[in-house]
């Protein structure tokens, strides 16, 4: 609790982030100091929307705590938020991580709590929102807790900021809220099969793929899994933008063969590379008019500038697009 408060100043940080991102409903945090107190609170509240636990909950192991929550018959998601990467490896060696709905690593960024909430919401809502109004999704395939805990908050921030930018100035507040809630979903996956399940169900509404290269496929770690999945996606929908990322710089050659951008994990450009991909490849930034050789000939930031540009850009650019 002390580390969380000192690193992030949770209440102030959450309020500030929600206001900056234009979000309306701020989650209420209720802190307890033991597993027993948490179970009492769960029973009294008839089930919260989400439980976030550390690895040490005072009077019982976190794995025992999650089992007792499940024994109550609740479907409340339980997320493990650990502070120590070594502790994470110990839990993984004991096969204890499978008890939780997801595991995240605290790295001093208060936005991780927003990312956790949005991760759960996207899982809950993707089925109905896709069928109801065709909300789009971005598949994020990454099995490293350290890496997705690092860049998932940044991805959500870019998503909210640019979703807000595309709203028309004349839209009233109620419509603005609805449009923001219809923002693309982030579907975080850790295995080939999980990602394939999402793609098979929602492929008509998948707007992009961000994928690691090495992860579990068929129950074993496969160094070619990301390339195989990207190849499958490209064959089914050639226009879906794809970004590959890996700790191995030699993967750059595989990405070049597929004709997709690549960022190296562990580099200083990882976050900026992900941001550039979302802004420039997923349609969140300006619309850039280009000619057949890819050179920029005009740029539009809103519908008014788009209309004006249509009168001046070369015909070859219109044909190209």
Protein backbone atom coordinates (compact mmCIF):
# COMPACT_ATOMS: atom_id res chain seq x y z
CA UNK A 1 0.00 0.00 0.00
CA UNK A 2 2.84 2.36 0.85
CA UNK A 3 4.63 1.66 -2.45
CA UNK A 4 1.44 2.25 -4.44
CA UNK A 5 0.68 5.51 -2.67
CA UNK A 6 4.24 6.83 -2.86
CA UNK A 7 4.78 5.85 -6.50
CA UNK A 8 1.44 6.82 -7.91
CA UNK A 9 -0.67 8.71 -5.36
CA UNK A 10 -3.55 6.60 -6.55
CA UNK A 11 -6.62 8.74 -5.95
CA UNK A 12 -5.13 11.95 -7.34
CA UNK A 13 -3.48 10.12 -10.20
CA UNK A 14 -6.61 8.25 -11.23
CA UNK A 15 -8.79 11.36 -11.11
CA UNK A 16 -6.26 13.34 -13.17
CA UNK A 17 -5.86 10.59 -15.76
CA UNK A 18 -9.62 10.08 -16.15
CA UNK A 19 -10.15 13.82 -16.61
CA UNK A 20 -7.30 14.10 -19.11
CA UNK A 21 -8.65 11.18 -21.13
CA UNK A 22 -12.22 12.50 -21.11
CA UNK A 23 -13.53 9.45 -19.23
CA UNK A 24 -16.67 9.88 -17.16
CA UNK A 25 -17.12 7.05 -14.68
CA UNK A 26 -14.28 6.90 -12.16
CA UNK A 27 -13.84 3.50 -10.47
CA UNK A 28 -14.14 3.55 -6.70
CA UNK A 29 -11.22 1.93 -4.92
CA UNK A 30 -11.79 0.12 -1.62
CA UNK A 31 -8.59 -0.96 0.12
CA UNK A 32 -8.42 -3.79 2.66
CA UNK A 33 -5.36 -5.18 4.44
CA UNK A 34 -5.99 -8.94 4.52
CA UNK A 35 -7.57 -11.77 2.60
CA UNK A 36 -10.18 -12.29 5.31
CA UNK A 37 -11.20 -8.63 5.22
CA UNK A 38 -11.43 -8.81 1.44
CA UNK A 39 -13.68 -11.88 1.57
CA UNK A 40 -15.91 -10.16 4.13
CA UNK A 41 -16.14 -7.10 1.87
CA UNK A 42 -16.93 -9.28 -1.15
CA UNK A 43 -19.79 -10.97 0.69
CA UNK A 44 -21.11 -7.68 2.07
CA UNK A 45 -21.01 -5.94 -1.32
CA UNK A 46 -22.54 -8.94 -3.12
CA UNK A 47 -19.55 -9.03 -5.38
CA UNK A 48 -17.46 -6.09 -6.61
CA UNK A 49 -16.78 -5.58 -10.33
CA UNK A 50 -13.09 -6.34 -9.98
CA UNK A 51 -10.63 -7.58 -7.36
CA UNK A 52 -6.96 -6.57 -7.57
CA UNK A 53 -4.69 -8.41 -5.16
CA UNK A 54 -0.97 -8.36 -4.42
CA UNK A 55 0.97 -11.59 -3.99
CA UNK A 56 0.94 -11.16 -0.20
CA UNK A 57 -2.45 -10.51 1.37
CA UNK A 58 -1.46 -10.72 5.03
CA UNK A 59 -3.17 -13.82 6.34
CA UNK A 60 -3.17 -16.17 3.35
CA UNK A 61 -1.45 -16.76 0.03
CA UNK A 62 -2.95 -14.96 -2.94
CA UNK A 63 -3.60 -18.32 -4.63
CA UNK A 64 -5.60 -19.45 -1.57
CA UNK A 65 -7.49 -16.16 -1.62
CA UNK A 66 -8.54 -16.51 -5.26
CA UNK A 67 -9.66 -20.10 -4.66
CA UNK A 68 -11.87 -18.94 -1.78
CA UNK A 69 -13.34 -16.21 -3.97
CA UNK A 70 -14.19 -18.82 -6.61
CA UNK A 71 -15.75 -21.06 -3.95
CA UNK A 72 -18.30 -18.32 -3.27
CA UNK A 73 -19.68 -18.86 -6.74
CA UNK A 74 -18.72 -15.38 -7.94
CA UNK A 75 -17.50 -14.69 -11.45
CA UNK A 76 -15.72 -11.55 -10.32
CA UNK A 77 -12.38 -11.28 -12.15
CA UNK A 78 -9.35 -11.44 -9.85
CA UNK A 79 -6.19 -9.73 -11.12
CA UNK A 80 -2.76 -10.14 -9.54
CA UNK A 81 -0.70 -6.94 -9.33
CA UNK A 82 2.81 -7.82 -8.23
CA UNK A 83 5.68 -5.43 -7.48
CA UNK A 84 8.63 -7.77 -7.93
CA UNK A 85 9.65 -9.50 -11.16
CA UNK A 86 11.52 -12.19 -9.20
CA UNK A 87 8.38 -12.90 -7.21
CA UNK A 88 6.56 -13.27 -10.51
CA UNK A 89 9.03 -15.91 -11.67
CA UNK A 90 8.59 -17.87 -8.42
CA UNK A 91 4.81 -17.92 -8.89
CA UNK A 92 5.22 -18.96 -12.52
CA UNK A 93 7.52 -21.82 -11.52
CA UNK A 94 4.81 -23.05 -9.16
CA UNK A 95 2.19 -22.79 -11.94
CA UNK A 96 0.31 -20.45 -9.61
CA UNK A 97 -0.41 -17.71 -12.15
CA UNK A 98 -3.18 -19.66 -13.88
CA UNK A 99 -5.46 -19.05 -10.87
CA UNK A 100 -5.81 -15.38 -11.80
CA UNK A 101 -7.72 -13.82 -14.66
CA UNK A 102 -4.62 -11.76 -15.53
CA UNK A 103 -1.30 -10.79 -14.00
CA UNK A 104 0.25 -7.31 -14.13
CA UNK A 105 3.51 -5.85 -12.87
CA UNK A 106 3.55 -2.50 -11.02
CA UNK A 107 6.28 -0.29 -12.50
CA UNK A 108 5.37 3.04 -10.94
CA UNK A 109 2.80 4.13 -13.54
CA UNK A 110 -0.65 4.81 -12.06
CA UNK A 111 -2.15 4.32 -15.53
CA UNK A 112 -1.72 0.56 -15.07
CA UNK A 113 -4.90 0.62 -12.95
CA UNK A 114 -6.82 2.25 -15.81
CA UNK A 115 -5.37 -0.34 -18.20
CA UNK A 116 -6.49 -3.17 -15.90
CA UNK A 117 -10.03 -1.79 -15.71
CA UNK A 118 -10.21 -1.27 -19.48
CA UNK A 119 -8.74 -4.72 -20.14
CA UNK A 120 -11.56 -6.31 -18.10
CA UNK A 121 -14.21 -4.06 -19.69
CA UNK A 122 -13.04 -4.90 -23.21
CA UNK A 123 -13.22 -8.62 -22.47
CA UNK A 124 -16.75 -8.24 -21.12
CA UNK A 125 -18.06 -5.95 -23.85
CA UNK A 126 -16.38 -7.04 -27.09
CA UNK A 127 -19.00 -9.65 -27.98
CA UNK A 128 -22.08 -7.45 -27.55
CA UNK A 129 -20.48 -4.23 -28.84
CA UNK A 130 -19.16 -5.92 -31.98
CA UNK A 131 -22.52 -7.52 -32.81
CA UNK A 132 -24.58 -4.49 -31.83
CA UNK A 133 -22.76 -1.62 -33.54
CA UNK A 134 -19.65 -3.13 -35.15
CA UNK A 135 -17.09 -1.74 -32.70
CA UNK A 136 -13.59 -2.52 -33.94
CA UNK A 137 -10.80 -4.31 -32.09
CA UNK A 138 -7.01 -4.33 -31.96
CA UNK A 139 -5.43 -7.70 -31.16
CA UNK A 140 -2.38 -7.34 -28.90
CA UNK A 141 -0.45 -10.61 -28.71
CA UNK A 142 2.12 -10.48 -25.91
CA UNK A 143 2.89 -13.04 -23.19
CA UNK A 144 5.51 -11.10 -21.21
CA UNK A 145 3.94 -9.60 -18.08
CA UNK A 146 6.71 -7.01 -17.84
CA UNK A 147 6.29 -5.77 -21.39
CA UNK A 148 2.49 -5.63 -21.65
CA UNK A 149 2.32 -4.01 -18.20
CA UNK A 150 4.71 -1.37 -19.55
CA UNK A 151 3.10 -0.48 -22.88
CA UNK A 152 -0.60 -1.33 -22.39
CA UNK A 153 -1.22 1.91 -20.42
CA UNK A 154 0.42 3.89 -23.25
CA UNK A 155 -1.66 2.13 -25.89
CA UNK A 156 -4.88 2.94 -24.04
CA UNK A 157 -3.79 6.58 -23.62
CA UNK A 158 -3.17 6.93 -27.37
CA UNK A 159 -6.49 5.21 -28.05
CA UNK A 160 -8.47 7.58 -25.83
CA UNK A 161 -6.66 10.72 -26.94
CA UNK A 162 -7.13 10.08 -30.65
CA UNK A 163 -10.67 8.77 -30.26
CA UNK A 164 -11.51 12.11 -28.64
CA UNK A 165 -9.84 14.03 -31.48
CA UNK A 166 -12.05 12.50 -34.17
CA UNK A 167 -15.25 13.67 -32.48
CA UNK A 168 -16.95 16.48 -34.33
CA UNK A 169 -17.00 19.84 -32.54
CA UNK A 170 -20.76 20.04 -32.94
CA UNK A 171 -21.46 16.75 -31.17
CA UNK A 172 -23.16 17.32 -27.82
CA UNK A 173 -21.83 15.95 -24.55
CA UNK A 174 -24.12 12.87 -24.45
CA UNK A 175 -23.14 11.84 -27.97
CA UNK A 176 -19.48 12.46 -27.18
CA UNK A 177 -19.66 10.03 -24.24
CA UNK A 178 -21.32 7.40 -26.41
CA UNK A 179 -18.71 7.82 -29.13
CA UNK A 180 -15.86 7.50 -26.64
CA UNK A 181 -17.41 4.32 -25.27
CA UNK A 182 -17.51 2.97 -28.82
CA UNK A 183 -13.72 3.28 -29.10
CA UNK A 184 -11.84 0.21 -30.40
CA UNK A 185 -11.28 -2.64 -27.97
CA UNK A 186 -7.80 -3.88 -27.03
CA UNK A 187 -7.84 -7.68 -26.94
CA UNK A 188 -4.72 -8.72 -25.01
CA UNK A 189 -3.79 -12.34 -25.72
CA UNK A 190 -0.98 -14.54 -24.44
CA UNK A 191 -1.13 -17.59 -26.72
CA UNK A 192 -1.57 -18.39 -30.41
CA UNK A 193 -4.85 -20.19 -29.74
CA UNK A 194 -6.33 -17.32 -27.72
CA UNK A 195 -5.49 -14.81 -30.45
CA UNK A 196 -6.82 -17.11 -33.16
CA UNK A 197 -10.08 -17.50 -31.26
CA UNK A 198 -10.57 -13.73 -31.17
CA UNK A 199 -9.58 -13.33 -34.82
CA UNK A 200 -11.92 -16.08 -36.01
CA UNK A 201 -14.85 -14.45 -34.16
CA UNK A 202 -14.18 -10.80 -34.94
CA UNK A 203 -11.99 -10.79 -38.06
CA UNK A 204 -14.40 -8.51 -39.93
CA UNK A 205 -13.92 -5.88 -37.20
CA UNK A 206 -10.21 -6.28 -36.45
CA UNK A 207 -8.50 -2.99 -37.32
CA UNK A 208 -4.93 -3.96 -36.43
CA UNK A 209 -2.55 -6.53 -34.97
CA UNK A 210 0.39 -5.89 -32.62
CA UNK A 211 2.22 -9.15 -32.02
CA UNK A 212 5.26 -10.56 -30.31
CA UNK A 213 7.15 -13.22 -32.26
CA UNK A 214 7.86 -15.92 -29.67
CA UNK A 215 5.01 -17.22 -27.50
CA UNK A 216 3.05 -20.39 -26.71
CA UNK A 217 1.58 -22.35 -29.60
CA UNK A 218 0.16 -25.82 -29.02
CA UNK A 219 1.28 -25.72 -25.38
CA UNK A 220 4.94 -25.07 -26.19
CA UNK A 221 6.97 -21.92 -26.80
CA UNK A 222 7.21 -21.37 -30.55
CA UNK A 223 9.84 -18.92 -31.91
CA UNK A 224 7.87 -18.65 -35.16
CA UNK A 225 4.37 -18.24 -33.67
CA UNK A 226 4.07 -14.48 -34.27
CA UNK A 227 5.18 -14.73 -37.89
CA UNK A 228 2.77 -17.63 -38.50
CA UNK A 229 -0.14 -15.73 -36.96
CA UNK A 230 0.69 -12.54 -38.88
CA UNK A 231 0.86 -14.58 -42.10
CA UNK A 232 -2.58 -16.04 -41.36
CA UNK A 233 -4.03 -12.58 -40.70
CA UNK A 234 -2.42 -11.15 -43.85
CA UNK A 235 -3.83 -14.02 -45.96
CA UNK A 236 -7.35 -13.52 -44.58
CA UNK A 237 -7.34 -9.70 -44.67
CA UNK A 238 -4.41 -8.14 -46.60
CA UNK A 239 -5.39 -4.62 -45.50
CA UNK A 240 -5.12 -5.16 -41.73
CA UNK A 241 -2.07 -3.22 -40.43
CA UNK A 242 0.41 -5.44 -38.56
CA UNK A 243 3.29 -4.59 -36.22
CA UNK A 244 5.80 -7.21 -35.07
CA UNK A 245 7.95 -6.78 -31.96
CA UNK A 246 10.70 -8.97 -30.55
CA UNK A 247 13.79 -8.90 -28.35
CA UNK A 248 15.73 -10.54 -31.19
CA UNK A 249 16.91 -7.91 -33.70
CA UNK A 250 17.22 -10.60 -36.39
CA UNK A 251 13.42 -10.73 -36.46
CA UNK A 252 13.66 -7.50 -38.48
CA UNK A 253 14.39 -9.64 -41.56
CA UNK A 254 11.21 -11.70 -41.04
CA UNK A 255 9.17 -8.51 -40.67
CA UNK A 256 10.72 -7.12 -43.86
CA UNK A 257 9.80 -10.30 -45.73
CA UNK A 258 6.19 -9.88 -44.58
CA UNK A 259 6.29 -6.18 -45.42
CA UNK A 260 5.30 -5.08 -41.89
CA UNK A 261 6.96 -2.63 -39.46
CA UNK A 262 9.09 -3.91 -36.58
CA UNK A 263 10.13 -2.57 -33.17
CA UNK A 264 12.71 -4.15 -30.88
CA UNK A 265 11.61 -4.87 -27.32
CA UNK A 266 13.95 -3.41 -24.77
CA UNK A 267 14.88 -0.48 -26.98
CA UNK A 268 14.13 3.14 -26.12
CA UNK A 269 11.88 3.32 -29.18
CA UNK A 270 9.48 0.61 -28.07
CA UNK A 271 6.76 2.93 -26.74
CA UNK A 272 7.27 5.55 -29.45
CA UNK A 273 7.24 2.80 -32.10
CA UNK A 274 3.93 1.48 -30.82
CA UNK A 275 2.51 5.02 -30.72
CA UNK A 276 3.70 5.76 -34.27
CA UNK A 277 2.09 2.55 -35.52
CA UNK A 278 -1.27 3.39 -33.94
CA UNK A 279 -1.26 6.98 -35.17
CA UNK A 280 0.08 6.41 -38.67
CA UNK A 281 -1.14 2.91 -39.55
CA UNK A 282 -4.46 2.59 -37.69
CA UNK A 283 -5.97 5.84 -38.86
CA UNK A 284 -5.91 7.82 -35.60
CA UNK A 285 -3.77 10.69 -36.86
CA UNK A 286 -4.16 13.08 -39.79
CA UNK A 287 -5.28 11.75 -43.16
CA UNK A 288 -2.20 11.98 -45.38
CA UNK A 289 -2.76 12.20 -49.11
CA UNK A 290 0.01 10.38 -50.98
CA UNK A 291 0.87 9.66 -54.58
CA UNK A 292 1.61 6.23 -56.03
CA UNK A 293 5.23 6.40 -54.86
CA UNK A 294 4.15 7.09 -51.27
CA UNK A 295 5.15 10.75 -51.16
CA UNK A 296 2.96 13.08 -49.10
CA UNK A 297 1.07 15.66 -51.17
CA UNK A 298 -1.45 16.99 -48.62
CA UNK A 299 -2.66 16.44 -45.07
CA UNK A 300 -6.11 16.77 -43.44
CA UNK A 301 -6.74 16.94 -39.69
CA UNK A 302 -10.57 17.18 -39.82
CA UNK A 303 -13.47 16.99 -42.27
CA UNK A 304 -13.21 20.68 -43.19
CA UNK A 305 -9.55 20.42 -44.20
CA UNK A 306 -10.31 17.11 -45.96
CA UNK A 307 -12.97 18.82 -48.08
CA UNK A 308 -10.60 21.66 -48.92
CA UNK A 309 -7.78 19.27 -49.84
CA UNK A 310 -10.00 17.32 -52.25
CA UNK A 311 -10.11 20.42 -54.47
CA UNK A 312 -6.33 20.71 -54.69
CA UNK A 313 -4.69 17.27 -54.47
CA UNK A 314 -3.63 15.66 -57.77
CA UNK A 315 -6.03 13.20 -59.38
CA UNK A 316 -3.36 10.48 -59.17
CA UNK A 317 -3.50 10.73 -55.35
CA UNK A 318 -7.27 10.20 -55.36
CA UNK A 319 -6.84 7.19 -57.66
CA UNK A 320 -4.06 5.86 -55.44
CA UNK A 321 -6.23 5.96 -52.32
